Protein backbone atom coordinates (compact mmCIF):
# COMPACT_ATOMS: atom_id res chain seq x y z
CA MET A 1 -117.13 -5.05 -24.49
CA THR A 2 -113.59 -6.33 -25.06
CA ARG A 3 -113.45 -4.73 -28.52
CA LYS A 4 -114.60 -1.46 -27.04
CA ARG A 5 -111.84 -1.56 -24.41
CA ILE A 6 -109.23 -2.34 -27.07
CA ALA A 7 -110.45 0.58 -29.18
CA ILE A 8 -110.32 2.93 -26.18
CA ALA A 9 -106.82 1.74 -25.25
CA ALA A 10 -105.63 2.21 -28.82
CA ALA A 11 -107.10 5.71 -28.95
CA VAL A 12 -105.45 6.64 -25.66
CA SER A 13 -102.09 5.27 -26.86
CA LEU A 14 -102.31 7.24 -30.08
CA ALA A 15 -103.18 10.38 -28.12
CA ILE A 16 -100.18 9.89 -25.82
CA ILE A 17 -97.84 9.30 -28.77
CA PHE A 18 -99.22 12.40 -30.49
CA LEU A 19 -98.72 14.51 -27.38
CA LEU A 20 -95.14 13.26 -27.07
CA LEU A 21 -94.35 13.89 -30.71
CA VAL A 22 -95.81 17.39 -30.89
CA PRO A 23 -92.98 19.16 -29.00
CA ILE A 24 -90.34 17.12 -30.87
CA LEU A 25 -91.85 17.89 -34.28
CA ASP A 26 -92.29 21.50 -33.26
CA LYS A 27 -88.62 21.71 -32.23
CA VAL A 28 -87.49 20.11 -35.52
CA GLY A 29 -89.74 22.45 -37.43
CA ARG A 30 -88.43 25.51 -35.60
CA ALA A 31 -84.81 24.37 -36.19
CA ALA A 32 -85.53 23.94 -39.90
CA ARG A 33 -87.15 27.37 -40.05
CA SER A 34 -84.20 28.87 -38.18
CA ASP A 35 -81.69 27.31 -40.60
CA ALA A 36 -83.70 28.58 -43.56
CA GLU A 37 -83.89 32.07 -42.06
CA TYR A 38 -80.13 32.22 -41.49
CA LEU A 39 -79.46 31.03 -45.03
CA ARG A 40 -81.77 33.69 -46.42
CA MET A 41 -80.02 36.29 -44.26
CA PHE A 42 -76.62 35.08 -45.51
CA GLN A 43 -77.78 35.26 -49.13
CA GLU A 44 -79.14 38.73 -48.52
CA VAL A 45 -75.82 39.96 -47.10
CA VAL A 46 -73.90 38.42 -50.00
CA GLY A 47 -76.24 40.11 -52.45
CA ILE A 48 -75.78 43.51 -50.79
CA ILE A 49 -71.98 43.13 -50.73
CA LYS A 50 -71.79 42.16 -54.40
CA LYS A 51 -74.09 45.00 -55.41
CA SER A 52 -72.91 47.85 -53.20
CA HIS A 53 -69.29 47.28 -52.07
CA VAL A 54 -66.93 49.96 -53.30
CA ASP A 55 -64.73 47.40 -55.10
CA GLN A 56 -65.47 44.51 -57.40
CA VAL A 57 -65.95 41.42 -55.22
CA ASP A 58 -64.31 38.07 -55.97
CA ASP A 59 -66.86 35.34 -55.30
CA LYS A 60 -64.28 32.74 -54.27
CA LYS A 61 -62.60 35.14 -51.84
CA LEU A 62 -65.97 36.06 -50.37
CA MET A 63 -67.07 32.45 -49.86
CA THR A 64 -63.70 31.37 -48.48
CA GLY A 65 -63.80 34.24 -46.00
CA ALA A 66 -67.30 33.27 -44.92
CA ILE A 67 -66.29 29.64 -44.37
CA ASN A 68 -63.20 30.67 -42.40
CA GLY A 69 -65.35 33.00 -40.33
CA MET A 70 -67.78 30.21 -39.47
CA LEU A 71 -64.99 27.89 -38.40
CA ALA A 72 -63.17 30.59 -36.43
CA ALA A 73 -66.37 31.05 -34.39
CA LEU A 74 -66.15 27.42 -33.25
CA ASP A 75 -62.62 26.80 -31.94
CA PRO A 76 -59.00 27.54 -32.90
CA HIS A 77 -58.36 24.12 -34.46
CA SER A 78 -61.23 23.85 -36.97
CA THR A 79 -60.15 25.19 -40.34
CA TYR A 80 -60.88 25.20 -44.05
CA LEU A 81 -58.15 23.66 -46.23
CA PRO A 82 -57.96 24.77 -49.86
CA ALA A 83 -56.73 21.99 -52.15
CA THR A 84 -53.10 23.18 -52.06
CA ASP A 85 -53.06 23.44 -48.25
CA TYR A 86 -54.83 20.09 -47.97
CA ALA A 87 -52.13 18.46 -50.08
CA GLU A 88 -49.39 20.12 -48.02
CA MET A 89 -50.94 18.85 -44.79
CA LYS A 90 -50.78 15.28 -46.12
CA VAL A 91 -47.15 15.78 -47.12
CA HIS A 92 -46.33 17.21 -43.69
CA MET A 93 -47.78 14.22 -41.86
CA ALA A 94 -45.76 11.97 -44.15
CA GLY A 95 -42.69 13.69 -42.71
CA ALA A 96 -41.52 16.21 -45.33
CA PHE A 97 -42.56 19.66 -46.53
CA GLY A 98 -40.99 22.89 -47.75
CA GLY A 99 -40.87 25.75 -45.27
CA LEU A 100 -39.34 27.10 -42.06
CA GLY A 101 -40.36 24.58 -39.40
CA ILE A 102 -42.75 26.46 -37.10
CA GLU A 103 -45.83 25.17 -35.31
CA LEU A 104 -48.26 28.11 -35.32
CA GLY A 105 -51.16 29.16 -33.10
CA SER A 106 -53.40 32.17 -32.51
CA ARG A 107 -53.84 34.28 -29.39
CA GLU A 108 -55.99 37.42 -29.26
CA GLY A 109 -55.89 37.56 -33.04
CA LYS A 110 -52.09 37.39 -33.12
CA LEU A 111 -50.03 34.85 -35.07
CA MET A 112 -48.00 33.06 -32.40
CA VAL A 113 -45.24 30.47 -32.38
CA ASN A 114 -46.38 27.40 -30.44
CA ALA A 115 -43.01 25.71 -30.95
CA PRO A 116 -40.19 25.61 -33.48
CA ILE A 117 -39.56 22.15 -34.94
CA GLU A 118 -36.13 20.87 -34.03
CA ASP A 119 -33.34 20.93 -36.65
CA THR A 120 -35.18 23.34 -38.94
CA PRO A 121 -34.31 26.89 -40.14
CA ALA A 122 -36.60 28.42 -37.49
CA PHE A 123 -35.10 26.35 -34.68
CA ARG A 124 -31.51 27.10 -35.70
CA ALA A 125 -32.24 30.83 -36.11
CA GLY A 126 -33.51 31.10 -32.53
CA ILE A 127 -37.27 31.43 -33.03
CA LEU A 128 -38.87 30.72 -29.64
CA ALA A 129 -42.19 29.42 -28.39
CA GLY A 130 -44.29 32.47 -27.48
CA ASP A 131 -42.88 34.70 -30.23
CA HIS A 132 -45.47 36.88 -31.99
CA ILE A 133 -44.97 36.91 -35.75
CA TRP A 134 -46.29 40.33 -36.65
CA ARG A 135 -44.80 40.66 -40.14
CA ILE A 136 -43.91 38.27 -42.97
CA ASP A 137 -41.71 39.86 -45.63
CA GLY A 138 -42.74 43.27 -44.34
CA LYS A 139 -46.47 42.61 -44.57
CA PRO A 140 -48.52 42.57 -41.34
CA THR A 141 -50.15 39.34 -40.19
CA ARG A 142 -52.96 40.99 -38.23
CA GLY A 143 -56.30 40.14 -39.81
CA VAL A 144 -54.75 37.56 -42.15
CA SER A 145 -55.95 33.94 -41.92
CA MET A 146 -53.67 31.25 -40.56
CA ASN A 147 -53.69 29.45 -43.92
CA ASP A 148 -52.57 32.59 -45.76
CA CYS A 149 -49.76 33.13 -43.26
CA VAL A 150 -48.61 29.53 -43.68
CA SER A 151 -48.67 29.96 -47.47
CA ARG A 152 -46.47 33.04 -47.18
CA MET A 153 -43.89 31.18 -45.10
CA ARG A 154 -43.78 28.06 -47.23
CA GLY A 155 -42.16 28.02 -50.64
CA THR A 156 -39.36 26.74 -52.81
CA PRO A 157 -36.36 25.48 -50.81
CA GLY A 158 -33.45 27.90 -51.04
CA THR A 159 -35.59 31.02 -51.19
CA SER A 160 -35.71 33.36 -48.22
CA VAL A 161 -38.40 34.93 -46.07
CA THR A 162 -38.07 37.60 -43.40
CA LEU A 163 -40.09 37.34 -40.19
CA GLY A 164 -40.77 40.30 -37.95
CA ILE A 165 -40.96 39.07 -34.35
CA LEU A 166 -42.30 40.72 -31.22
CA ARG A 167 -40.81 39.00 -28.18
CA GLU A 168 -41.65 39.66 -24.55
CA GLY A 169 -38.69 41.27 -22.86
CA ALA A 170 -37.12 42.50 -26.10
CA ALA A 171 -36.62 46.28 -26.28
CA ALA A 172 -37.47 46.42 -30.00
CA PRO A 173 -38.99 44.22 -32.72
CA LEU A 174 -36.67 41.46 -33.95
CA SER A 175 -36.06 40.53 -37.57
CA PHE A 176 -35.09 37.04 -38.76
CA ARG A 177 -34.13 36.27 -42.36
CA LEU A 178 -34.67 32.56 -42.87
CA VAL A 179 -33.87 30.39 -45.88
CA ARG A 180 -36.59 27.90 -46.69
CA ALA A 181 -35.62 24.25 -46.70
CA VAL A 182 -37.18 20.86 -47.29
CA ILE A 183 -38.34 20.13 -43.76
CA LYS A 184 -37.77 16.44 -43.29
CA THR A 185 -38.93 16.28 -39.75
CA LYS A 186 -37.23 13.45 -37.94
CA SER A 187 -39.81 11.48 -36.08
CA LEU A 188 -37.47 10.76 -33.19
CA LYS A 189 -33.91 10.61 -31.91
CA ALA A 190 -32.53 7.98 -29.56
CA ARG A 191 -29.28 7.51 -27.65
CA LEU A 192 -27.77 6.04 -24.51
CA LEU A 193 -27.09 8.77 -21.96
CA GLU A 194 -25.10 6.39 -19.79
CA PRO A 195 -24.72 2.61 -19.72
CA GLY A 196 -28.19 1.21 -19.07
CA TYR A 197 -30.12 4.47 -19.48
CA GLY A 198 -31.84 5.21 -22.76
CA TYR A 199 -33.20 8.50 -24.07
CA VAL A 200 -35.79 8.90 -26.83
CA LYS A 201 -36.94 12.30 -28.08
CA ILE A 202 -40.13 12.25 -30.19
CA ALA A 203 -40.53 15.52 -32.10
CA GLU A 204 -43.96 14.71 -33.57
CA PHE A 205 -46.16 11.69 -34.15
CA GLN A 206 -45.95 10.97 -37.87
CA GLU A 207 -46.82 8.02 -40.08
CA ARG A 208 -43.75 5.97 -39.11
CA THR A 209 -43.28 7.05 -35.48
CA GLY A 210 -44.57 3.84 -33.91
CA GLU A 211 -42.37 1.68 -36.09
CA ASP A 212 -39.34 3.96 -35.59
CA PHE A 213 -39.90 3.92 -31.82
CA GLU A 214 -39.96 0.13 -31.60
CA ARG A 215 -36.79 -0.04 -33.69
CA ALA A 216 -35.09 2.58 -31.50
CA LEU A 217 -35.84 0.64 -28.31
CA LYS A 218 -34.32 -2.52 -29.78
CA THR A 219 -31.25 -0.56 -30.92
CA LEU A 220 -30.77 0.97 -27.47
CA ALA A 221 -30.92 -2.45 -25.80
CA ALA A 222 -28.48 -3.86 -28.37
CA ASP A 223 -26.06 -0.94 -27.94
CA ASN A 224 -26.28 -1.38 -24.18
CA GLY A 225 -25.51 -5.09 -24.47
CA ALA A 226 -28.25 -5.84 -21.95
CA PRO A 227 -31.85 -4.82 -21.17
CA LEU A 228 -32.18 -1.14 -20.28
CA SER A 229 -32.15 -0.09 -16.63
CA GLY A 230 -34.32 2.94 -17.35
CA LEU A 231 -35.75 5.12 -20.11
CA ILE A 232 -36.43 8.84 -20.54
CA LEU A 233 -39.13 9.62 -23.10
CA ASP A 234 -38.87 13.28 -24.09
CA LEU A 235 -42.16 14.77 -25.35
CA ARG A 236 -41.24 18.42 -24.76
CA TYR A 237 -42.33 20.69 -27.62
CA ASN A 238 -44.10 17.75 -29.27
CA PRO A 239 -47.22 19.36 -30.81
CA GLY A 240 -49.02 16.05 -31.37
CA GLY A 241 -49.80 14.44 -34.70
CA LEU A 242 -51.33 11.09 -35.55
CA VAL A 243 -53.23 9.49 -32.68
CA ASP A 244 -52.71 5.93 -33.92
CA GLN A 245 -48.94 6.46 -33.72
CA ALA A 246 -49.20 7.88 -30.20
CA PHE A 247 -51.21 4.79 -29.32
CA ARG A 248 -48.44 2.53 -30.66
CA VAL A 249 -45.88 4.28 -28.46
CA ALA A 250 -47.99 4.02 -25.29
CA ASP A 251 -48.94 0.44 -26.13
CA ARG A 252 -45.30 -0.67 -25.78
CA PHE A 253 -45.53 -0.08 -22.02
CA ILE A 254 -49.16 -0.67 -21.04
CA GLY A 255 -50.68 -4.07 -20.42
CA GLU A 256 -53.86 -5.05 -18.64
CA GLY A 257 -54.66 -3.03 -15.55
CA LEU A 258 -56.68 0.17 -15.36
CA SER A 259 -59.87 -0.33 -17.42
CA ASN A 260 -58.38 -3.43 -19.10
CA GLY A 261 -55.44 -1.57 -20.57
CA LEU A 262 -57.36 1.48 -21.78
CA ILE A 263 -55.04 4.07 -23.37
CA VAL A 264 -57.38 6.78 -24.63
CA THR A 265 -61.08 7.42 -25.17
CA THR A 266 -62.68 9.91 -27.55
CA LYS A 267 -66.21 11.23 -27.09
CA GLY A 268 -68.21 13.64 -29.23
CA ARG A 269 -71.74 14.66 -30.14
CA ASP A 270 -71.82 12.23 -33.05
CA PRO A 271 -71.91 8.62 -31.76
CA SER A 272 -69.47 7.61 -34.52
CA SER A 273 -66.79 9.77 -32.88
CA GLU A 274 -66.82 7.67 -29.70
CA ARG A 275 -63.87 5.32 -29.58
CA SER A 276 -61.87 3.46 -26.94
CA MET A 277 -58.34 2.32 -27.68
CA THR A 278 -56.99 -0.42 -25.41
CA ALA A 279 -53.57 -2.00 -25.21
CA ILE A 280 -52.91 -4.87 -27.58
CA ILE A 281 -51.99 -8.19 -26.01
CA GLY A 282 -48.46 -9.07 -27.03
CA GLN A 283 -44.81 -8.36 -26.40
CA LYS A 284 -44.16 -5.34 -24.18
CA GLU A 285 -41.08 -3.55 -22.97
CA PRO A 286 -39.51 -4.84 -19.73
CA ARG A 287 -40.86 -2.97 -16.74
CA TYR A 288 -37.84 -0.76 -16.16
CA PRO A 289 -38.24 2.67 -14.49
CA MET A 290 -39.36 5.39 -16.87
CA VAL A 291 -39.63 9.19 -16.89
CA VAL A 292 -41.63 11.22 -19.41
CA LEU A 293 -40.60 14.85 -19.90
CA ILE A 294 -43.31 17.38 -20.85
CA ASN A 295 -43.72 21.15 -21.03
CA GLY A 296 -46.09 23.80 -22.37
CA GLY A 297 -45.24 22.76 -25.93
CA SER A 298 -46.43 19.18 -25.36
CA ALA A 299 -49.89 18.95 -26.92
CA SER A 300 -52.60 16.63 -28.18
CA ALA A 301 -51.17 13.19 -29.05
CA SER A 302 -48.16 13.70 -26.78
CA GLU A 303 -50.57 14.45 -23.92
CA ILE A 304 -52.39 11.21 -24.69
CA VAL A 305 -49.15 9.26 -24.19
CA ALA A 306 -48.22 11.14 -21.01
CA GLY A 307 -51.73 10.85 -19.57
CA ALA A 308 -51.97 7.13 -20.25
CA LEU A 309 -48.58 6.34 -18.73
CA GLN A 310 -49.41 8.52 -15.73
CA ASP A 311 -52.83 6.95 -15.10
CA HIS A 312 -51.38 3.44 -15.40
CA LYS A 313 -48.54 4.46 -13.04
CA ARG A 314 -46.09 3.17 -15.62
CA ALA A 315 -43.96 6.33 -15.71
CA VAL A 316 -43.21 9.42 -13.67
CA ILE A 317 -44.21 12.59 -15.53
CA MET A 318 -41.67 15.38 -15.05
CA GLY A 319 -41.37 18.96 -16.28
CA THR A 320 -44.06 21.64 -16.48
CA GLN A 321 -47.79 21.71 -17.27
CA SER A 322 -48.55 20.56 -20.82
CA PHE A 323 -50.43 22.58 -23.44
CA GLY A 324 -53.96 21.24 -22.89
CA LYS A 325 -55.18 20.42 -26.40
CA GLY A 326 -57.62 17.63 -25.69
CA SER A 327 -59.69 17.81 -28.86
CA VAL A 328 -59.94 15.54 -31.91
CA GLN A 329 -59.92 16.97 -35.43
CA SER A 330 -61.41 14.97 -38.29
CA VAL A 331 -60.38 15.88 -41.85
CA MET A 332 -63.18 15.57 -44.39
CA ASN A 333 -62.97 15.66 -48.16
CA LEU A 334 -65.13 18.28 -49.88
CA ALA A 335 -66.65 17.74 -53.32
CA ASN A 336 -64.34 20.29 -54.98
CA GLY A 337 -61.14 18.67 -53.67
CA ASP A 338 -60.70 20.99 -50.69
CA GLY A 339 -60.63 19.74 -47.12
CA LEU A 340 -62.41 20.59 -43.88
CA LYS A 341 -60.63 20.01 -40.56
CA LEU A 342 -63.34 20.00 -37.92
CA THR A 343 -63.18 19.38 -34.17
CA THR A 344 -65.43 16.37 -33.61
CA ALA A 345 -64.54 14.94 -30.19
CA ARG A 346 -62.53 15.29 -26.97
CA TYR A 347 -59.79 13.05 -25.62
CA TYR A 348 -60.02 11.40 -22.21
CA THR A 349 -57.25 9.65 -20.31
CA PRO A 350 -57.79 6.12 -18.95
CA SER A 351 -59.05 7.50 -15.61
CA GLY A 352 -61.61 9.69 -17.41
CA ARG A 353 -59.74 13.00 -17.21
CA SER A 354 -60.35 15.56 -19.93
CA ILE A 355 -57.13 17.14 -21.21
CA GLN A 356 -58.91 20.08 -22.86
CA ALA A 357 -57.68 23.50 -21.66
CA LYS A 358 -56.09 21.81 -18.62
CA GLY A 359 -53.24 19.65 -19.83
CA ILE A 360 -51.26 17.08 -17.92
CA THR A 361 -49.91 18.07 -14.52
CA PRO A 362 -46.43 16.59 -13.95
CA ASP A 363 -45.85 14.32 -10.97
CA ILE A 364 -42.61 16.23 -10.32
CA GLU A 365 -42.52 19.83 -11.43
CA VAL A 366 -39.14 20.98 -12.74
CA GLU A 367 -38.84 24.33 -14.48
CA PHE A 368 -36.33 24.51 -17.30
CA VAL A 369 -33.45 26.80 -16.35
CA LYS A 370 -31.39 28.47 -19.03
CA LYS A 371 -27.62 28.66 -18.68
CA PRO A 372 -26.45 31.92 -17.02
CA ALA A 373 -25.58 33.39 -20.41
CA ALA A 374 -29.24 33.28 -21.46
CA THR A 375 -31.05 36.61 -21.63
CA ALA A 376 -34.32 37.44 -19.93
CA LYS A 377 -36.13 37.62 -23.25
CA GLU A 378 -35.59 33.87 -23.72
CA LYS A 379 -37.58 33.07 -20.59
CA MET A 380 -40.93 33.35 -22.36
CA PRO A 381 -44.26 32.37 -20.80
CA GLU A 382 -45.52 29.19 -22.43
CA ILE A 383 -48.70 29.44 -24.50
CA ARG A 384 -51.29 26.76 -23.76
CA GLU A 385 -54.67 25.74 -25.16
CA GLN A 386 -56.54 27.94 -22.69
CA ASP A 387 -54.73 31.00 -24.12
CA LEU A 388 -55.94 30.42 -27.69
CA ASP A 389 -58.82 32.41 -29.14
CA GLY A 390 -62.15 30.59 -28.90
CA HIS A 391 -60.77 27.53 -27.12
CA MET A 392 -63.26 24.94 -25.91
CA GLU A 393 -63.67 24.60 -22.18
CA GLY A 394 -62.51 21.50 -20.42
CA GLU A 395 -64.63 19.26 -18.22
CA PRO A 396 -64.38 18.67 -14.46
CA ALA A 397 -62.30 15.73 -13.35
CA PRO A 398 -64.16 12.59 -12.20
CA THR A 399 -65.31 12.92 -8.60
CA VAL A 400 -64.54 9.27 -7.87
CA PRO A 401 -60.79 8.63 -7.80
CA PRO A 402 -59.70 5.91 -10.26
CA LYS A 403 -58.83 2.50 -8.92
CA TYR A 404 -55.48 1.18 -10.09
CA HIS A 405 -54.65 -2.48 -10.54
CA GLN A 406 -51.22 -3.55 -9.36
CA ASP A 407 -49.48 -6.25 -11.34
CA ASP A 408 -46.91 -8.71 -10.11
CA MET A 409 -44.01 -6.85 -11.66
CA ASN A 410 -41.86 -4.29 -9.88
CA GLN A 411 -43.65 -0.98 -9.66
CA MET A 412 -42.07 2.43 -9.37
CA PRO A 413 -42.56 4.17 -6.02
CA PRO A 414 -45.95 5.96 -6.07
CA LEU A 415 -45.72 9.71 -6.52
CA LYS A 416 -48.56 12.16 -6.05
CA PRO A 417 -48.87 14.97 -8.62
CA ASN A 418 -47.00 18.13 -7.65
CA HIS A 419 -46.18 16.86 -4.18
CA LEU A 420 -42.53 16.85 -5.17
CA LYS A 421 -40.98 20.06 -6.44
CA ALA A 422 -37.45 19.74 -7.70
CA PRO A 423 -35.02 22.64 -7.69
CA GLY A 424 -34.30 24.02 -11.13
CA ASN A 425 -30.50 24.08 -11.02
CA HIS A 426 -28.56 20.88 -11.41
CA LYS A 427 -24.86 21.17 -10.65
CA ASP A 428 -23.80 17.55 -10.57
CA ALA A 429 -22.89 17.16 -14.24
CA GLY A 430 -19.34 18.30 -14.93
CA ASP A 431 -18.22 20.25 -18.00
CA PRO A 432 -16.31 17.85 -20.28
CA LYS A 433 -14.35 20.77 -21.71
CA GLU A 434 -12.75 21.30 -18.31
CA SER A 435 -12.14 17.66 -17.38
CA GLY A 436 -8.37 17.94 -17.86
CA ASP A 437 -8.03 14.16 -18.12
CA GLY A 438 -5.83 14.25 -21.21
CA ARG A 439 -8.28 12.35 -23.43
CA ASP A 440 -8.13 13.05 -27.13
CA PRO A 441 -11.25 15.09 -27.97
CA LYS A 442 -11.06 13.82 -31.54
CA ASP A 443 -11.66 10.23 -30.42
CA PRO A 444 -15.25 9.47 -31.62
CA LYS A 445 -16.10 7.56 -28.45
CA GLU A 446 -14.75 10.27 -26.17
CA SER A 447 -16.40 12.96 -28.31
CA LYS A 448 -19.74 11.19 -27.98
CA GLU A 449 -19.37 10.98 -24.21
CA ALA A 450 -18.48 14.66 -24.09
CA LYS A 451 -21.60 15.57 -26.05
CA GLU A 452 -23.75 13.49 -23.71
CA GLN A 453 -22.27 15.20 -20.66
CA GLU A 454 -22.73 18.61 -22.28
CA MET A 455 -26.34 17.69 -23.05
CA LEU A 456 -26.97 16.85 -19.40
CA GLN A 457 -25.23 19.98 -18.19
CA ARG A 458 -27.32 22.39 -20.27
CA ASP A 459 -30.63 20.55 -19.71
CA ASN A 460 -31.49 20.51 -16.01
CA GLN A 461 -34.80 18.68 -16.61
CA LEU A 462 -33.05 15.84 -18.41
CA ALA A 463 -30.34 15.62 -15.75
CA ARG A 464 -33.01 15.51 -13.03
CA ALA A 465 -34.85 12.70 -14.84
CA LEU A 466 -31.66 10.65 -15.09
CA ASP A 467 -30.95 11.16 -11.38
CA LEU A 468 -34.47 9.94 -10.55
CA LEU A 469 -34.04 6.76 -12.60
CA LYS A 470 -30.76 6.01 -10.85
CA GLY A 471 -32.35 6.62 -7.46
CA VAL A 472 -35.25 4.27 -8.21
CA ASN A 473 -32.83 1.52 -9.20
CA LEU A 474 -30.78 2.04 -6.05
CA LEU A 475 -33.91 1.73 -3.92
CA SER A 476 -35.03 -1.37 -5.84
CA ALA A 477 -31.63 -2.94 -5.21
CA GLY A 478 -31.95 -2.27 -1.50
CA GLY A 479 -29.22 0.33 -1.54
CA LYS A 480 -26.57 -2.12 -2.84
CA ARG A 481 -24.03 -0.79 -5.31
């Protein structure tokens, strides 16, 4: 009787397993059939094109176009990299390449300028974020792949290329003749704005950015002759770059606290793409007040830094809404030496916010105001991730507000996002050219001070950030001077 019961139980179990597996196997089978059908359809179309197209068809061009078409259907950041472009990408991330210095994007099929890289031919010529590059050396860019456009603009240093630009507010198309140069993108610049107040501008996160940043902080403290009283980290027009270098920058300021010092999380469909990066236990910067400047050109890795510092309440974020590129691209080697850059995951800030198509909202919104001499055409609307063709949608913010851990060190006064709106104009910084104090402008020290004052005068966001740091220190000192 016992054996009979065991046999019945085994039969029932097998029946249940079979019933559970049937829909799964059926789904797998249907997926396999679907893949096979699409491949047959693709082969059929290729065969028809090669047989019946009016012109002789180049196989490589046909296959490359098909691959680019597949990737373009996914999102604006996935792309096919022929061997030459793949090699150039590696050189670029190492910090040097030949070209004009333009970060490119696509909107409604148009080749757009996301941001010019500072101290490059494009930047010096006056190329602006939001410009539409409609011609390169007289040839239209419409319908041409991003890689082909990049190839046209890059070349031997010293040679020239002419860009046709359509700019909002301009009465007619603009033409810029640029001379190609070896673009040695400087990872960052650092200086003391005033005694005690440091300024670091990171143009892009490259292979040596973390190391350069740590060195810059030490140099600022040494030049100051004492620990800094405050720091402004400028991430405006920073298009991103290497995530591990962005992590190193954020790690200098974040200790234990929210989610045990979590800086960024990545999540994707493939379990191998899931990763959490937490602060490393070790020496950190003193907890001086800090402001991070962002704008619509701040994307990807720069948004990781801003989001982490904001969630940990380690810095006040100031400026305008960031770009909103919250996706991770993995670069894979293909058998023929080409590369495939594929979006494999999304970024999440320590509190669980998705950056994708949303960006980072500043705690204090300050619009950048051009000097009165600026023309209306320079006040371009900023392009963000949500404006790009085929962008991935973001995800709703967590419904449960994050809990923050306070440490024993002095904390900056809490600020709620967008509850403070600062006026754009800043009139406190005087013009050093009109000081009339009789100082010799050729004196290097006086010349440096004049440049710093001029920098503050023409950059209202920077001047506002410096004022905030001074105000925080005055409050911390109980109003004593």
